């Protein structure tokens, strides 16, 4: 008779998939922040669209619970303040 796979193995597989998905989302947030900061420091007109894209990625990650809501709000606030100082 064939042996049945344990539920622990399935749980491990599921957690690995989730970990990789979460890692990709966090990485996307960090990449968009770096891209925005680089454009804002150059006073590039594209920085406004980069800011919007970054906020969208942060909100998506926060909505999925990958980063906490307050951490997302803090990041967005700091980046918006940074953008405003670069414009002034």
PDB file of N, CA and C in Angstrom:
ATOM      1  N   UNK A   1       0.833  -1.179   0.000  1.00  0.00           N
ATOM      2  CA  UNK A   1       0.000   0.000   0.000  1.00  0.00           C
ATOM      3  C   UNK A   1       0.884   1.250   0.000  1.00  0.00           C
ATOM      4  N   UNK A   2       0.505   2.233  -0.789  1.00  0.00           N
ATOM      5  CA  UNK A   2       1.295   3.461  -0.915  1.00  0.00           C
ATOM      6  C   UNK A   2       1.151   4.308   0.341  1.00  0.00           C
ATOM      7  N   UNK A   3       2.241   4.986   0.663  1.00  0.00           N
ATOM      8  CA  UNK A   3       2.217   5.875   1.834  1.00  0.00           C
ATOM      9  C   UNK A   3       1.597   7.214   1.452  1.00  0.00           C
ATOM     10  N   UNK A   4       0.834   7.771   2.344  1.00  0.00           N
ATOM     11  CA  UNK A   4       0.182   9.052   2.122  1.00  0.00           C
ATOM     12  C   UNK A   4       1.136  10.183   2.536  1.00  0.00           C
ATOM     13  N   UNK A   5       1.179  11.249   1.743  1.00  0.00           N
ATOM     14  CA  UNK A   5       2.036  12.385   2.114  1.00  0.00           C
ATOM     15  C   UNK A   5       1.446  13.098   3.321  1.00  0.00           C
ATOM     16  N   UNK A   6       2.299  13.585   4.159  1.00  0.00           N
ATOM     17  CA  UNK A   6       1.806  14.253   5.359  1.00  0.00           C
ATOM     18  C   UNK A   6       1.325  15.665   5.037  1.00  0.00           C
ATOM     19  N   UNK A   7       0.426  16.161   5.853  1.00  0.00           N
ATOM     20  CA  UNK A   7      -0.091  17.509   5.648  1.00  0.00           C
ATOM     21  C   UNK A   7       0.993  18.550   5.933  1.00  0.00           C
ATOM     22  N   UNK A   8       2.003  18.163   6.705  1.00  0.00           N
ATOM     23  CA  UNK A   8       3.099  19.088   7.001  1.00  0.00           C
ATOM     24  C   UNK A   8       3.882  19.426   5.734  1.00  0.00           C
ATOM     25  N   UNK A   9       4.028  18.442   4.847  1.00  0.00           N
ATOM     26  CA  UNK A   9       4.743  18.690   3.591  1.00  0.00           C
ATOM     27  C   UNK A   9       3.982  19.688   2.726  1.00  0.00           C
ATOM     28  N   UNK A  10       2.665  19.530   2.668  1.00  0.00           N
ATOM     29  CA  UNK A  10       1.840  20.457   1.893  1.00  0.00           C
ATOM     30  C   UNK A  10       1.912  21.850   2.503  1.00  0.00           C
ATOM     31  N   UNK A  11       1.836  21.905   3.819  1.00  0.00           N
ATOM     32  CA  UNK A  11       1.906  23.197   4.526  1.00  0.00           C
ATOM     33  C   UNK A  11       3.223  23.889   4.221  1.00  0.00           C
ATOM     34  N   UNK A  12       4.297  23.118   4.196  1.00  0.00           N
ATOM     35  CA  UNK A  12       5.622  23.672   3.900  1.00  0.00           C
ATOM     36  C   UNK A  12       5.665  24.233   2.485  1.00  0.00           C
ATOM     37  N   UNK A  13       5.101  23.472   1.526  1.00  0.00           N
ATOM     38  CA  UNK A  13       5.042  23.942   0.141  1.00  0.00           C
ATOM     39  C   UNK A  13       4.269  25.245   0.035  1.00  0.00           C
ATOM     40  N   UNK A  14       3.134  25.310   0.707  1.00  0.00           N
ATOM     41  CA  UNK A  14       2.303  26.509   0.665  1.00  0.00           C
ATOM     42  C   UNK A  14       3.034  27.709   1.265  1.00  0.00           C
ATOM     43  N   UNK A  15       3.695  27.480   2.375  1.00  0.00           N
ATOM     44  CA  UNK A  15       4.389  28.597   3.028  1.00  0.00           C
ATOM     45  C   UNK A  15       5.555  29.098   2.167  1.00  0.00           C
ATOM     46  N   UNK A  16       6.220  28.183   1.464  1.00  0.00           N
ATOM     47  CA  UNK A  16       7.315  28.575   0.561  1.00  0.00           C
ATOM     48  C   UNK A  16       6.783  29.454  -0.568  1.00  0.00           C
ATOM     49  N   UNK A  17       5.650  29.050  -1.147  1.00  0.00           N
ATOM     50  CA  UNK A  17       5.063  29.832  -2.232  1.00  0.00           C
ATOM     51  C   UNK A  17       4.677  31.222  -1.746  1.00  0.00           C
ATOM     52  N   UNK A  18       4.070  31.285  -0.575  1.00  0.00           N
ATOM     53  CA  UNK A  18       3.682  32.581  -0.015  1.00  0.00           C
ATOM     54  C   UNK A  18       4.900  33.449   0.284  1.00  0.00           C
ATOM     55  N   UNK A  19       5.946  32.811   0.816  1.00  0.00           N
ATOM     56  CA  UNK A  19       7.163  33.552   1.141  1.00  0.00           C
ATOM     57  C   UNK A  19       7.767  34.173  -0.106  1.00  0.00           C
ATOM     58  N   UNK A  20       7.810  33.416  -1.188  1.00  0.00           N
ATOM     59  CA  UNK A  20       8.372  33.932  -2.433  1.00  0.00           C
ATOM     60  C   UNK A  20       7.509  35.065  -3.001  1.00  0.00           C
ATOM     61  N   UNK A  21       6.187  34.917  -2.891  1.00  0.00           N
ATOM     62  CA  UNK A  21       5.280  35.951  -3.376  1.00  0.00           C
ATOM     63  C   UNK A  21       5.454  37.233  -2.570  1.00  0.00           C
ATOM     64  N   UNK A  22       5.543  37.090  -1.252  1.00  0.00           N
ATOM     65  CA  UNK A  22       5.727  38.248  -0.373  1.00  0.00           C
ATOM     66  C   UNK A  22       7.073  38.924  -0.628  1.00  0.00           C
ATOM     67  N   UNK A  23       8.091  38.104  -0.831  1.00  0.00           N
ATOM     68  CA  UNK A  23       9.433  38.626  -1.094  1.00  0.00           C
ATOM     69  C   UNK A  23       9.443  39.451  -2.375  1.00  0.00           C
ATOM     70  N   UNK A  24       8.745  38.967  -3.404  1.00  0.00           N
ATOM     71  CA  UNK A  24       8.673  39.683  -4.684  1.00  0.00           C
ATOM     72  C   UNK A  24       7.957  41.015  -4.514  1.00  0.00           C
ATOM     73  N   UNK A  25       6.881  41.025  -3.731  1.00  0.00           N
ATOM     74  CA  UNK A  25       6.122  42.263  -3.525  1.00  0.00           C
ATOM     75  C   UNK A  25       6.950  43.285  -2.756  1.00  0.00           C
ATOM     76  N   UNK A  26       7.664  42.841  -1.711  1.00  0.00           N
ATOM     77  CA  UNK A  26       8.517  43.752  -0.933  1.00  0.00           C
ATOM     78  C   UNK A  26       9.632  44.312  -1.809  1.00  0.00           C
ATOM     79  N   UNK A  27      10.197  43.456  -2.646  1.00  0.00           N
ATOM     80  CA  UNK A  27      11.267  43.877  -3.539  1.00  0.00           C
ATOM     81  C   UNK A  27      10.758  44.921  -4.535  1.00  0.00           C
ATOM     82  N   UNK A  28       9.551  44.722  -5.031  1.00  0.00           N
ATOM     83  CA  UNK A  28       8.960  45.678  -5.976  1.00  0.00           C
ATOM     84  C   UNK A  28       8.769  47.037  -5.311  1.00  0.00           C
ATOM     85  N   UNK A  29       8.361  47.026  -4.045  1.00  0.00           N
ATOM     86  CA  UNK A  29       8.194  48.288  -3.301  1.00  0.00           C
ATOM     87  C   UNK A  29       9.540  48.990  -3.162  1.00  0.00           C
ATOM     88  N   UNK A  30      10.556  48.245  -2.748  1.00  0.00           N
ATOM     89  CA  UNK A  30      11.886  48.848  -2.569  1.00  0.00           C
ATOM     90  C   UNK A  30      12.435  49.388  -3.885  1.00  0.00           C
ATOM     91  N   UNK A  31      12.239  48.652  -4.972  1.00  0.00           N
ATOM     92  CA  UNK A  31      12.721  49.093  -6.285  1.00  0.00           C
ATOM     93  C   UNK A  31      12.028  50.383  -6.708  1.00  0.00           C
ATOM     94  N   UNK A  32      10.716  50.446  -6.501  1.00  0.00           N
ATOM     95  CA  UNK A  32       9.976  51.647  -6.909  1.00  0.00           C
ATOM     96  C   UNK A  32      10.384  52.854  -6.062  1.00  0.00           C
ATOM     97  N   UNK A  33      10.712  52.622  -4.786  1.00  0.00           N
ATOM     98  CA  UNK A  33      11.176  53.723  -3.926  1.00  0.00           C
ATOM     99  C   UNK A  33      12.517  54.252  -4.442  1.00  0.00           C
ATOM    100  N   UNK A  34      13.429  53.338  -4.761  1.00  0.00           N
ATOM    101  CA  UNK A  34      14.752  53.744  -5.262  1.00  0.00           C
ATOM    102  C   UNK A  34      14.628  54.513  -6.583  1.00  0.00           C
ATOM    103  N   UNK A  35      13.739  54.016  -7.453  1.00  0.00           N
ATOM    104  CA  UNK A  35      13.530  54.670  -8.746  1.00  0.00           C
ATOM    105  C   UNK A  35      12.981  56.081  -8.548  1.00  0.00           C
ATOM    106  N   UNK A  36      12.013  56.216  -7.642  1.00  0.00           N
ATOM    107  CA  UNK A  36      11.417  57.521  -7.373  1.00  0.00           C
ATOM    108  C   UNK A  36      12.453  58.487  -6.800  1.00  0.00           C
ATOM    109  N   UNK A  37      13.229  58.035  -5.820  1.00  0.00           N
ATOM    110  CA  UNK A  37      14.222  58.905  -5.177  1.00  0.00           C
ATOM    111  C   UNK A  37      15.251  59.386  -6.199  1.00  0.00           C
ATOM    112  N   UNK A  38      15.688  58.482  -7.064  1.00  0.00           N
ATOM    113  CA  UNK A  38      16.673  58.856  -8.084  1.00  0.00           C
ATOM    114  C   UNK A  38      16.114  59.926  -9.028  1.00  0.00           C
ATOM    115  N   UNK A  39      14.867  59.742  -9.444  1.00  0.00           N
ATOM    116  CA  UNK A  39      14.249  60.727 -10.351  1.00  0.00           C
ATOM    117  C   UNK A  39      13.981  62.058  -9.648  1.00  0.00           C
ATOM    118  N   UNK A  40      13.571  62.004  -8.390  1.00  0.00           N
ATOM    119  CA  UNK A  40      13.252  63.226  -7.650  1.00  0.00           C
ATOM    120  C   UNK A  40      14.520  64.044  -7.404  1.00  0.00           C
ATOM    121  N   UNK A  41      15.626  63.371  -7.144  1.00  0.00           N
ATOM    122  CA  UNK A  41      16.878  64.096  -6.904  1.00  0.00           C
ATOM    123  C   UNK A  41      17.361  64.797  -8.164  1.00  0.00           C
ATOM    124  N   UNK A  42      17.049  64.236  -9.324  1.00  0.00           N
ATOM    125  CA  UNK A  42      17.418  64.863 -10.594  1.00  0.00           C
ATOM    126  C   UNK A  42      16.423  65.946 -11.004  1.00  0.00           C
ATOM    127  N   UNK A  43      15.332  66.065 -10.231  1.00  0.00           N
ATOM    128  CA  UNK A  43      14.229  66.988 -10.544  1.00  0.00           C
ATOM    129  C   UNK A  43      13.630  66.666 -11.913  1.00  0.00           C
ATOM    130  N   UNK A  44      13.546  65.383 -12.186  1.00  0.00           N
ATOM    131  CA  UNK A  44      12.978  64.883 -13.437  1.00  0.00           C
ATOM    132  C   UNK A  44      11.451  65.011 -13.404  1.00  0.00           C
ATOM    133  N   UNK A  45      10.834  65.459 -14.489  1.00  0.00           N
ATOM    134  CA  UNK A  45       9.361  65.546 -14.507  1.00  0.00           C
ATOM    135  C   UNK A  45       8.672  64.179 -14.365  1.00  0.00           C
ATOM    136  N   UNK A  46       9.390  63.104 -14.668  1.00  0.00           N
ATOM    137  CA  UNK A  46       8.850  61.752 -14.526  1.00  0.00           C
ATOM    138  C   UNK A  46       8.694  61.346 -13.064  1.00  0.00           C
ATOM    139  N   UNK A  47       9.258  62.122 -12.146  1.00  0.00           N
ATOM    140  CA  UNK A  47       9.222  61.734 -10.731  1.00  0.00           C
ATOM    141  C   UNK A  47       7.804  61.706 -10.176  1.00  0.00           C
ATOM    142  N   UNK A  48       6.925  62.527 -10.725  1.00  0.00           N
ATOM    143  CA  UNK A  48       5.534  62.524 -10.241  1.00  0.00           C
ATOM    144  C   UNK A  48       4.848  61.197 -10.563  1.00  0.00           C
ATOM    145  N   UNK A  49       5.056  60.706 -11.774  1.00  0.00           N
ATOM    146  CA  UNK A  49       4.458  59.408 -12.121  1.00  0.00           C
ATOM    147  C   UNK A  49       5.119  58.275 -11.349  1.00  0.00           C
ATOM    148  N   UNK A  50       6.419  58.411 -11.075  1.00  0.00           N
ATOM    149  CA  UNK A  50       7.119  57.400 -10.268  1.00  0.00           C
ATOM    150  C   UNK A  50       6.569  57.395  -8.840  1.00  0.00           C
ATOM    151  N   UNK A  51       6.228  58.577  -8.335  1.00  0.00           N
ATOM    152  CA  UNK A  51       5.623  58.682  -6.996  1.00  0.00           C
ATOM    153  C   UNK A  51       4.280  57.966  -6.963  1.00  0.00           C
ATOM    154  N   UNK A  52       3.462  58.200  -7.986  1.00  0.00           N
ATOM    155  CA  UNK A  52       2.145  57.540  -8.051  1.00  0.00           C
ATOM    156  C   UNK A  52       2.287  56.018  -8.131  1.00  0.00           C
ATOM    157  N   UNK A  53       3.238  55.566  -8.934  1.00  0.00           N
ATOM    158  CA  UNK A  53       3.475  54.119  -9.074  1.00  0.00           C
ATOM    159  C   UNK A  53       3.944  53.522  -7.749  1.00  0.00           C
ATOM    160  N   UNK A  54       4.829  54.246  -7.058  1.00  0.00           N
ATOM    161  CA  UNK A  54       5.342  53.778  -5.779  1.00  0.00           C
ATOM    162  C   UNK A  54       4.221  53.673  -4.751  1.00  0.00           C
ATOM    163  N   UNK A  55       3.357  54.689  -4.703  1.00  0.00           N
ATOM    164  CA  UNK A  55       2.239  54.687  -3.753  1.00  0.00           C
ATOM    165  C   UNK A  55       1.309  53.511  -4.045  1.00  0.00           C
ATOM    166  N   UNK A  56       1.090  53.246  -5.332  1.00  0.00           N
ATOM    167  CA  UNK A  56       0.228  52.126  -5.712  1.00  0.00           C
ATOM    168  C   UNK A  56       0.818  50.798  -5.234  1.00  0.00           C
ATOM    169  N   UNK A  57       2.117  50.617  -5.418  1.00  0.00           N
ATOM    170  CA  UNK A  57       2.769  49.375  -4.981  1.00  0.00           C
ATOM    171  C   UNK A  57       2.729  49.236  -3.460  1.00  0.00           C
ATOM    172  N   UNK A  58       2.938  50.337  -2.750  1.00  0.00           N
ATOM    173  CA  UNK A  58       2.893  50.307  -1.285  1.00  0.00           C
ATOM    174  C   UNK A  58       1.483  49.958  -0.812  1.00  0.00           C
ATOM    175  N   UNK A  59       0.475  50.585  -1.416  1.00  0.00           N
ATOM    176  CA  UNK A  59      -0.911  50.303  -1.031  1.00  0.00           C
ATOM    177  C   UNK A  59      -1.291  48.851  -1.303  1.00  0.00           C
ATOM    178  N   UNK A  60      -0.838  48.331  -2.430  1.00  0.00           N
ATOM    179  CA  UNK A  60      -1.124  46.935  -2.767  1.00  0.00           C
ATOM    180  C   UNK A  60      -0.513  45.993  -1.743  1.00  0.00           C
ATOM    181  N   UNK A  61       0.761  46.242  -1.389  1.00  0.00           N
ATOM    182  CA  UNK A  61       1.437  45.391  -0.400  1.00  0.00           C
ATOM    183  C   UNK A  61       0.768  45.497   0.958  1.00  0.00           C
ATOM    184  N   UNK A  62       0.338  46.692   1.331  1.00  0.00           N
ATOM    185  CA  UNK A  62      -0.333  46.885   2.622  1.00  0.00           C
ATOM    186  C   UNK A  62      -1.698  46.206   2.625  1.00  0.00           C
ATOM    187  N   UNK A  63      -2.393  46.270   1.516  1.00  0.00           N
ATOM    188  CA  UNK A  63      -3.700  45.638   1.418  1.00  0.00           C
ATOM    189  C   UNK A  63      -3.628  44.132   1.541  1.00  0.00           C
ATOM    190  N   UNK A  64      -2.538  43.550   1.063  1.00  0.00           N
ATOM    191  CA  UNK A  64      -2.355  42.103   1.147  1.00  0.00           C
ATOM    192  C   UNK A  64      -1.740  41.674   2.474  1.00  0.00           C
ATOM    193  N   UNK A  65      -1.377  42.650   3.308  1.00  0.00           N
ATOM    194  CA  UNK A  65      -0.803  42.319   4.609  1.00  0.00           C
ATOM    195  C   UNK A  65       0.681  42.006   4.557  1.00  0.00           C
ATOM    196  N   UNK A  66       1.322  42.336   3.448  1.00  0.00           N
ATOM    197  CA  UNK A  66       2.755  42.062   3.317  1.00  0.00           C
ATOM    198  C   UNK A  66       3.557  43.063   4.143  1.00  0.00           C
ATOM    199  N   UNK A  67       3.144  44.332   4.107  1.00  0.00           N
ATOM    200  CA  UNK A  67       3.689  45.321   5.035  1.00  0.00           C
ATOM    201  C   UNK A  67       2.522  45.875   5.842  1.00  0.00           C
ATOM    202  N   UNK A  68       2.805  46.344   7.033  1.00  0.00           N
ATOM    203  CA  UNK A  68       1.733  46.817   7.901  1.00  0.00           C
ATOM    204  C   UNK A  68       1.191  48.151   7.417  1.00  0.00           C
ATOM    205  N   UNK A  69      -0.055  48.412   7.776  1.00  0.00           N
ATOM    206  CA  UNK A  69      -0.751  49.626   7.320  1.00  0.00           C
ATOM    207  C   UNK A  69      -0.007  50.892   7.749  1.00  0.00           C
ATOM    208  N   UNK A  70       0.430  50.927   9.016  1.00  0.00           N
ATOM    209  CA  UNK A  70       1.116  52.124   9.511  1.00  0.00           C
ATOM    210  C   UNK A  70       2.473  52.304   8.846  1.00  0.00           C
ATOM    211  N   UNK A  71       3.150  51.212   8.563  1.00  0.00           N
ATOM    212  CA  UNK A  71       4.440  51.290   7.872  1.00  0.00           C
ATOM    213  C   UNK A  71       4.233  51.849   6.464  1.00  0.00           C
ATOM    214  N   UNK A  72       3.157  51.414   5.817  1.00  0.00           N
ATOM    215  CA  UNK A  72       2.844  51.911   4.469  1.00  0.00           C
ATOM    216  C   UNK A  72       2.541  53.407   4.513  1.00  0.00           C
ATOM    217  N   UNK A  73       1.743  53.814   5.493  1.00  0.00           N
ATOM    218  CA  UNK A  73       1.390  55.234   5.620  1.00  0.00           C
ATOM    219  C   UNK A  73       2.631  56.070   5.898  1.00  0.00           C
ATOM    220  N   UNK A  74       3.516  55.560   6.731  1.00  0.00           N
ATOM    221  CA  UNK A  74       4.748  56.271   7.069  1.00  0.00           C
ATOM    222  C   UNK A  74       5.636  56.438   5.839  1.00  0.00           C
ATOM    223  N   UNK A  75       5.790  55.356   5.072  1.00  0.00           N
ATOM    224  CA  UNK A  75       6.601  55.417   3.851  1.00  0.00           C
ATOM    225  C   UNK A  75       6.047  56.430   2.863  1.00  0.00           C
ATOM    226  N   UNK A  76       4.731  56.375   2.649  1.00  0.00           N
ATOM    227  CA  UNK A  76       4.096  57.292   1.690  1.00  0.00           C
ATOM    228  C   UNK A  76       4.250  58.736   2.144  1.00  0.00           C
ATOM    229  N   UNK A  77       4.079  58.965   3.442  1.00  0.00           N
ATOM    230  CA  UNK A  77       4.180  60.319   3.975  1.00  0.00           C
ATOM    231  C   UNK A  77       5.600  60.876   3.797  1.00  0.00           C
ATOM    232  N   UNK A  78       6.583  60.054   4.111  1.00  0.00           N
ATOM    233  CA  UNK A  78       7.978  60.504   3.987  1.00  0.00           C
ATOM    234  C   UNK A  78       8.353  60.788   2.540  1.00  0.00           C
ATOM    235  N   UNK A  79       7.891  59.938   1.639  1.00  0.00           N
ATOM    236  CA  UNK A  79       8.213  60.127   0.224  1.00  0.00           C
ATOM    237  C   UNK A  79       7.511  61.358  -0.351  1.00  0.00           C
ATOM    238  N   UNK A  80       6.270  61.591   0.078  1.00  0.00           N
ATOM    239  CA  UNK A  80       5.540  62.781  -0.383  1.00  0.00           C
ATOM    240  C   UNK A  80       6.222  64.046   0.130  1.00  0.00           C
ATOM    241  N   UNK A  81       6.666  64.013   1.386  1.00  0.00           N
ATOM    242  CA  UNK A  81       7.359  65.159   1.965  1.00  0.00           C
ATOM    243  C   UNK A  81       8.681  65.402   1.237  1.00  0.00           C
ATOM    244  N   UNK A  82       9.393  64.318   0.905  1.00  0.00           N
ATOM    245  CA  UNK A  82      10.638  64.396   0.152  1.00  0.00           C
ATOM    246  C   UNK A  82      10.387  65.029  -1.224  1.00  0.00           C
ATOM    247  N   UNK A  83       9.322  64.604  -1.878  1.00  0.00           N
ATOM    248  CA  UNK A  83       8.961  65.127  -3.198  1.00  0.00           C
ATOM    249  C   UNK A  83       8.664  66.616  -3.122  1.00  0.00           C
ATOM    250  N   UNK A  84       7.920  67.020  -2.084  1.00  0.00           N
ATOM    251  CA  UNK A  84       7.561  68.441  -1.920  1.00  0.00           C
ATOM    252  C   UNK A  84       8.790  69.312  -1.675  1.00  0.00           C
ATOM    253  N   UNK A  85       9.744  68.804  -0.893  1.00  0.00           N
ATOM    254  CA  UNK A  85      10.963  69.579  -0.636  1.00  0.00           C
ATOM    255  C   UNK A  85      11.820  69.692  -1.907  1.00  0.00           C
ATOM    256  N   UNK A  86      11.814  68.646  -2.714  1.00  0.00           N
ATOM    257  CA  UNK A  86      12.580  68.685  -3.969  1.00  0.00           C
ATOM    258  C   UNK A  86      11.971  69.679  -4.957  1.00  0.00           C
ATOM    259  N   UNK A  87      10.659  69.825  -4.919  1.00  0.00           N
ATOM    260  CA  UNK A  87       9.978  70.768  -5.808  1.00  0.00           C
ATOM    261  C   UNK A  87      10.215  72.222  -5.396  1.00  0.00           C
ATOM    262  N   UNK A  88      10.305  72.433  -4.091  1.00  0.00           N
ATOM    263  CA  UNK A  88      10.416  73.807  -3.577  1.00  0.00           C
ATOM    264  C   UNK A  88      11.756  74.432  -3.880  1.00  0.00           C
TER     265      UNK A  88
END
